[in-house]
Amino acid sequence: MTKHFYGWRKSRRSEPNGHCVEVGRAVDRTIGVRDSKLDRSPVLELTPAAWAKLLDELRRQT
């Protein structure tokens, strides 16, 4: 079953040319990540723990 994600928002670091990702949340707290420039972009689903780990890793690389 496909989850319904709500509250989609773009990264604060999004480029004005549309090359960015959007993040949304499902009722069960799953985090959804999608490509904002594609109409029906597939959604990468992450648990809250996996999302936190991803963000932590990205922060360490910048």
Protein backbone atom coordinates (compact mmCIF):
# COMPACT_ATOMS: atom_id res chain seq x y z
CA MET A 1 0.00 0.00 0.00
CA THR A 2 1.30 3.44 -0.90
CA LYS A 3 1.48 5.82 2.02
CA HIS A 4 0.09 9.32 1.88
CA PHE A 5 2.70 11.93 2.69
CA TYR A 6 1.73 15.46 3.67
CA GLY A 7 3.46 18.74 4.44
CA TRP A 8 5.91 18.48 1.56
CA ARG A 9 8.59 21.15 1.79
CA LYS A 10 11.72 21.97 -0.16
CA SER A 11 15.17 22.15 1.28
CA ARG A 12 16.34 25.58 2.39
CA ARG A 13 19.37 24.94 0.20
CA SER A 14 17.29 24.37 -2.93
CA GLU A 15 18.52 25.89 -6.15
CA PRO A 16 16.19 28.30 -7.98
CA ASN A 17 16.54 26.14 -11.11
CA GLY A 18 14.33 23.44 -9.58
CA HIS A 19 17.07 20.94 -8.78
CA CYS A 20 16.01 20.04 -5.28
CA VAL A 21 14.32 17.47 -3.12
CA GLU A 22 11.16 17.70 -1.05
CA VAL A 23 10.53 16.07 2.29
CA GLY A 24 7.15 14.99 3.64
CA ARG A 25 5.80 12.96 6.51
CA ALA A 26 3.29 10.11 6.75
CA VAL A 27 0.83 9.54 9.59
CA ASP A 28 3.07 6.75 10.95
CA ARG A 29 5.98 9.26 11.11
CA THR A 30 7.75 7.75 8.09
CA ILE A 31 9.75 10.40 6.22
CA GLY A 32 9.29 10.64 2.46
CA VAL A 33 11.90 12.17 0.13
CA ARG A 34 11.16 12.92 -3.53
CA ASP A 35 12.58 14.81 -6.52
CA SER A 36 10.59 18.01 -6.85
CA LYS A 37 11.11 18.44 -10.59
CA LEU A 38 9.41 15.15 -11.53
CA ASP A 39 5.62 15.09 -11.61
CA ARG A 40 5.21 11.61 -10.19
CA SER A 41 8.56 11.11 -8.59
CA PRO A 42 9.03 7.90 -6.63
CA VAL A 43 9.24 8.46 -2.88
CA LEU A 44 12.12 7.20 -0.81
CA GLU A 45 10.65 6.17 2.55
CA LEU A 46 12.79 6.39 5.68
CA THR A 47 12.10 5.65 9.32
CA PRO A 48 12.66 8.57 11.69
CA ALA A 49 15.86 6.88 12.91
CA ALA A 50 17.18 6.39 9.36
CA TRP A 51 16.30 10.01 8.51
CA ALA A 52 18.18 11.29 11.56
CA LYS A 53 21.20 9.15 10.63
CA LEU A 54 21.14 10.44 7.04
CA LEU A 55 20.99 14.07 8.18
CA ASP A 56 23.78 13.50 10.67
CA GLU A 57 25.97 11.97 7.97
CA LEU A 58 25.25 14.81 5.54
CA ARG A 59 26.08 17.41 8.17
CA ARG A 60 29.43 15.75 8.84
CA GLN A 61 30.32 15.89 5.15
CA THR A 62 29.74 19.63 4.76
